[in-house]
C-alpha atoms as a PDB file:
ATOM      1  CA  UNK A   1     112.159 217.189   9.060  1.00  0.00           C
ATOM      2  CA  UNK A   2     108.447 216.559   8.839  1.00  0.00           C
ATOM      3  CA  UNK A   3     107.175 213.057   9.580  1.00  0.00           C
ATOM      4  CA  UNK A   4     103.820 211.882   8.254  1.00  0.00           C
ATOM      5  CA  UNK A   5     101.864 208.666   8.577  1.00  0.00           C
ATOM      6  CA  UNK A   6      99.758 207.339   5.746  1.00  0.00           C
ATOM      7  CA  UNK A   7      97.957 204.169   4.753  1.00  0.00           C
ATOM      8  CA  UNK A   8      99.997 202.377   2.140  1.00  0.00           C
ATOM      9  CA  UNK A   9      96.825 201.965   0.059  1.00  0.00           C
ATOM     10  CA  UNK A  10      96.558 205.734  -0.450  1.00  0.00           C
ATOM     11  CA  UNK A  11      97.978 207.040  -3.699  1.00  0.00           C
ATOM     12  CA  UNK A  12     101.678 207.985  -3.463  1.00  0.00           C
ATOM     13  CA  UNK A  13     102.477 211.668  -3.732  1.00  0.00           C
ATOM     14  CA  UNK A  14     105.637 213.675  -4.332  1.00  0.00           C
ATOM     15  CA  UNK A  15     104.849 215.428  -1.059  1.00  0.00           C
ATOM     16  CA  UNK A  16     105.373 212.092   0.756  1.00  0.00           C
ATOM     17  CA  UNK A  17     109.141 212.415   0.475  1.00  0.00           C
ATOM     18  CA  UNK A  18     110.866 209.219   1.570  1.00  0.00           C
ATOM     19  CA  UNK A  19     108.284 206.425   1.878  1.00  0.00           C
ATOM     20  CA  UNK A  20     108.938 203.679   4.450  1.00  0.00           C
ATOM     21  CA  UNK A  21     106.652 200.714   5.043  1.00  0.00           C
ATOM     22  CA  UNK A  22     106.691 199.712   8.733  1.00  0.00           C
ATOM     23  CA  UNK A  23     104.472 196.609   8.574  1.00  0.00           C
ATOM     24  CA  UNK A  24     105.701 193.030   8.874  1.00  0.00           C
ATOM     25  CA  UNK A  25     103.361 191.692   6.190  1.00  0.00           C
ATOM     26  CA  UNK A  26     103.173 192.930   2.624  1.00  0.00           C
ATOM     27  CA  UNK A  27      99.852 194.766   2.034  1.00  0.00           C
ATOM     28  CA  UNK A  28      97.289 192.571   0.301  1.00  0.00           C
ATOM     29  CA  UNK A  29      96.522 193.346  -3.307  1.00  0.00           C
ATOM     30  CA  UNK A  30      99.263 195.958  -3.676  1.00  0.00           C
ATOM     31  CA  UNK A  31     102.161 195.663  -6.109  1.00  0.00           C
ATOM     32  CA  UNK A  32     105.632 196.986  -5.340  1.00  0.00           C
ATOM     33  CA  UNK A  33     105.208 199.548  -8.092  1.00  0.00           C
ATOM     34  CA  UNK A  34     101.913 200.781  -6.615  1.00  0.00           C
ATOM     35  CA  UNK A  35     103.453 201.023  -3.147  1.00  0.00           C
ATOM     36  CA  UNK A  36     106.345 203.143  -4.438  1.00  0.00           C
ATOM     37  CA  UNK A  37     108.547 202.439  -1.400  1.00  0.00           C
ATOM     38  CA  UNK A  38     112.001 203.713  -0.576  1.00  0.00           C
ATOM     39  CA  UNK A  39     112.387 201.171   2.244  1.00  0.00           C
ATOM     40  CA  UNK A  40     110.548 198.357   3.999  1.00  0.00           C
ATOM     41  CA  UNK A  41     111.539 198.006   7.655  1.00  0.00           C
ATOM     42  CA  UNK A  42     109.457 195.004   8.678  1.00  0.00           C
ATOM     43  CA  UNK A  43     111.506 194.526  11.868  1.00  0.00           C
ATOM     44  CA  UNK A  44     109.861 197.715  13.185  1.00  0.00           C
ATOM     45  CA  UNK A  45     106.434 196.118  13.068  1.00  0.00           C
ATOM     46  CA  UNK A  46     104.859 194.710  16.218  1.00  0.00           C
ATOM     47  CA  UNK A  47     105.264 190.972  16.717  1.00  0.00           C
ATOM     48  CA  UNK A  48     102.496 188.764  15.359  1.00  0.00           C
ATOM     49  CA  UNK A  49     101.314 188.152  18.912  1.00  0.00           C
ATOM     50  CA  UNK A  50     101.087 191.849  19.744  1.00  0.00           C
ATOM     51  CA  UNK A  51      99.471 192.625  16.393  1.00  0.00           C
ATOM     52  CA  UNK A  52      96.777 190.002  16.994  1.00  0.00           C
ATOM     53  CA  UNK A  53      96.305 191.216  20.568  1.00  0.00           C
ATOM     54  CA  UNK A  54      95.877 194.802  19.301  1.00  0.00           C
ATOM     55  CA  UNK A  55      93.190 193.718  16.822  1.00  0.00           C
ATOM     56  CA  UNK A  56      91.275 192.005  19.636  1.00  0.00           C
ATOM     57  CA  UNK A  57      91.739 194.880  22.142  1.00  0.00           C
ATOM     58  CA  UNK A  58      91.377 198.051  20.104  1.00  0.00           C
ATOM     59  CA  UNK A  59      90.234 199.988  23.173  1.00  0.00           C
ATOM     60  CA  UNK A  60      93.580 199.374  24.938  1.00  0.00           C
ATOM     61  CA  UNK A  61      95.719 201.807  22.925  1.00  0.00           C
ATOM     62  CA  UNK A  62      97.974 202.840  25.842  1.00  0.00           C
ATOM     63  CA  UNK A  63      98.700 199.190  26.654  1.00  0.00           C
ATOM     64  CA  UNK A  64      99.552 198.508  23.005  1.00  0.00           C
ATOM     65  CA  UNK A  65     101.930 201.501  22.948  1.00  0.00           C
ATOM     66  CA  UNK A  66     103.649 200.321  26.106  1.00  0.00           C
ATOM     67  CA  UNK A  67     104.075 196.757  24.815  1.00  0.00           C
ATOM     68  CA  UNK A  68     105.188 197.964  21.389  1.00  0.00           C
ATOM     69  CA  UNK A  69     107.817 200.291  22.846  1.00  0.00           C
ATOM     70  CA  UNK A  70     109.091 197.341  24.875  1.00  0.00           C
ATOM     71  CA  UNK A  71     109.351 195.274  21.681  1.00  0.00           C
ATOM     72  CA  UNK A  72     111.397 198.035  20.065  1.00  0.00           C
ATOM     73  CA  UNK A  73     114.141 197.226  22.592  1.00  0.00           C
ATOM     74  CA  UNK A  74     114.801 193.885  20.856  1.00  0.00           C
ATOM     75  CA  UNK A  75     118.126 193.925  18.944  1.00  0.00           C
ATOM     76  CA  UNK A  76     116.568 193.427  15.499  1.00  0.00           C
ATOM     77  CA  UNK A  77     114.026 196.181  16.141  1.00  0.00           C
ATOM     78  CA  UNK A  78     116.705 198.504  17.543  1.00  0.00           C
ATOM     79  CA  UNK A  79     118.770 197.975  14.400  1.00  0.00           C
ATOM     80  CA  UNK A  80     115.758 198.767  12.200  1.00  0.00           C
ATOM     81  CA  UNK A  81     114.997 201.834  14.329  1.00  0.00           C
ATOM     82  CA  UNK A  82     118.564 202.984  13.717  1.00  0.00           C
ATOM     83  CA  UNK A  83     117.959 202.598   9.958  1.00  0.00           C
ATOM     84  CA  UNK A  84     114.791 204.670  10.307  1.00  0.00           C
ATOM     85  CA  UNK A  85     116.692 207.436  12.112  1.00  0.00           C
ATOM     86  CA  UNK A  86     119.292 207.365   9.318  1.00  0.00           C
ATOM     87  CA  UNK A  87     116.604 207.568   6.629  1.00  0.00           C
ATOM     88  CA  UNK A  88     115.103 210.584   8.366  1.00  0.00           C
ATOM     89  CA  UNK A  89     118.347 212.570   8.515  1.00  0.00           C
ATOM     90  CA  UNK A  90     118.643 215.339   5.966  1.00  0.00           C
ATOM     91  CA  UNK A  91     115.202 214.701   4.496  1.00  0.00           C
ATOM     92  CA  UNK A  92     112.508 217.319   4.174  1.00  0.00           C
ATOM     93  CA  UNK A  93     109.781 214.748   4.677  1.00  0.00           C
ATOM     94  CA  UNK A  94     109.484 211.112   5.715  1.00  0.00           C
ATOM     95  CA  UNK A  95     106.231 209.195   5.394  1.00  0.00           C
ATOM     96  CA  UNK A  96     105.665 206.085   7.491  1.00  0.00           C
ATOM     97  CA  UNK A  97     103.330 203.678   5.720  1.00  0.00           C
ATOM     98  CA  UNK A  98     101.047 201.096   7.320  1.00  0.00           C
ATOM     99  CA  UNK A  99      98.142 198.914   6.172  1.00  0.00           C
ATOM    100  CA  UNK A 100      96.011 198.876   9.344  1.00  0.00           C
ATOM    101  CA  UNK A 101      92.568 200.466   8.874  1.00  0.00           C
ATOM    102  CA  UNK A 102      92.709 202.459  12.123  1.00  0.00           C
ATOM    103  CA  UNK A 103      94.490 205.669  11.172  1.00  0.00           C
ATOM    104  CA  UNK A 104      94.977 206.899  14.756  1.00  0.00           C
ATOM    105  CA  UNK A 105      96.003 203.710  16.549  1.00  0.00           C
ATOM    106  CA  UNK A 106      98.830 201.871  14.806  1.00  0.00           C
ATOM    107  CA  UNK A 107     102.575 201.340  15.124  1.00  0.00           C
ATOM    108  CA  UNK A 108     103.383 204.064  12.577  1.00  0.00           C
ATOM    109  CA  UNK A 109     101.843 206.646  14.921  1.00  0.00           C
ATOM    110  CA  UNK A 110     104.139 205.495  17.748  1.00  0.00           C
ATOM    111  CA  UNK A 111     107.175 205.615  15.446  1.00  0.00           C
ATOM    112  CA  UNK A 112     106.215 209.130  14.324  1.00  0.00           C
ATOM    113  CA  UNK A 113     106.120 210.214  17.974  1.00  0.00           C
ATOM    114  CA  UNK A 114     109.620 208.818  18.452  1.00  0.00           C
ATOM    115  CA  UNK A 115     110.934 210.645  15.393  1.00  0.00           C
ATOM    116  CA  UNK A 116     109.191 213.863  16.375  1.00  0.00           C
ATOM    117  CA  UNK A 117     110.758 213.664  19.821  1.00  0.00           C
ATOM    118  CA  UNK A 118     107.390 213.581  21.546  1.00  0.00           C
ATOM    119  CA  UNK A 119     108.373 210.444  23.413  1.00  0.00           C
ATOM    120  CA  UNK A 120     111.725 209.419  24.703  1.00  0.00           C
ATOM    121  CA  UNK A 121     112.961 206.446  22.656  1.00  0.00           C
ATOM    122  CA  UNK A 122     112.929 203.126  24.471  1.00  0.00           C
ATOM    123  CA  UNK A 123     116.060 202.244  26.393  1.00  0.00           C
ATOM    124  CA  UNK A 124     118.885 201.126  24.142  1.00  0.00           C
ATOM    125  CA  UNK A 125     117.500 202.624  20.946  1.00  0.00           C
ATOM    126  CA  UNK A 126     118.107 205.734  18.959  1.00  0.00           C
ATOM    127  CA  UNK A 127     121.172 206.565  16.938  1.00  0.00           C
ATOM    128  CA  UNK A 128     123.712 205.843  19.663  1.00  0.00           C
ATOM    129  CA  UNK A 129     121.659 203.430  21.724  1.00  0.00           C
ATOM    130  CA  UNK A 130     121.364 201.017  18.829  1.00  0.00           C
ATOM    131  CA  UNK A 131     125.119 201.051  18.308  1.00  0.00           C
ATOM    132  CA  UNK A 132     125.758 200.455  22.004  1.00  0.00           C
ATOM    133  CA  UNK A 133     123.198 197.635  22.042  1.00  0.00           C
ATOM    134  CA  UNK A 134     124.805 195.966  19.041  1.00  0.00           C
ATOM    135  CA  UNK A 135     128.233 196.212  20.661  1.00  0.00           C
ATOM    136  CA  UNK A 136     126.903 194.627  23.856  1.00  0.00           C
ATOM    137  CA  UNK A 137     125.281 191.816  21.875  1.00  0.00           C
ATOM    138  CA  UNK A 138     128.548 191.162  20.030  1.00  0.00           C
ATOM    139  CA  UNK A 139     130.413 190.796  23.341  1.00  0.00           C
ATOM    140  CA  UNK A 140     127.979 188.248  24.779  1.00  0.00           C
ATOM    141  CA  UNK A 141     129.275 184.681  24.757  1.00  0.00           C
ATOM    142  CA  UNK A 142     127.331 182.370  22.450  1.00  0.00           C
END
């Protein structure tokens, strides 16, 4: 399966395959029809705090990646990551969509690396890790 990253503002194409928005906020000025999404996994987006930090520290890409991967360990993010893995199965192409202007330094790039197997998924994520994490969370006393 090929994984691509693309700004959500670019015109949709048949070559995009399954289109998944991975931003927390809906892109300004874009209608749902124009976005032509198959899924919106906002839980995969960096937290507002990390997003704001990244805008202020664009030169610190490796630090952003590290912090973002840590955030992907959260239960809601792990569940969304599981959904992303499921969406990618059996597809010829999956396109991760983002709104950020920097095409090389954004969360979609990190997610693509995870899907491509270039980086080991964070602890407790991935197809089985997410299930195990959810089971552990269910056993915790409230």
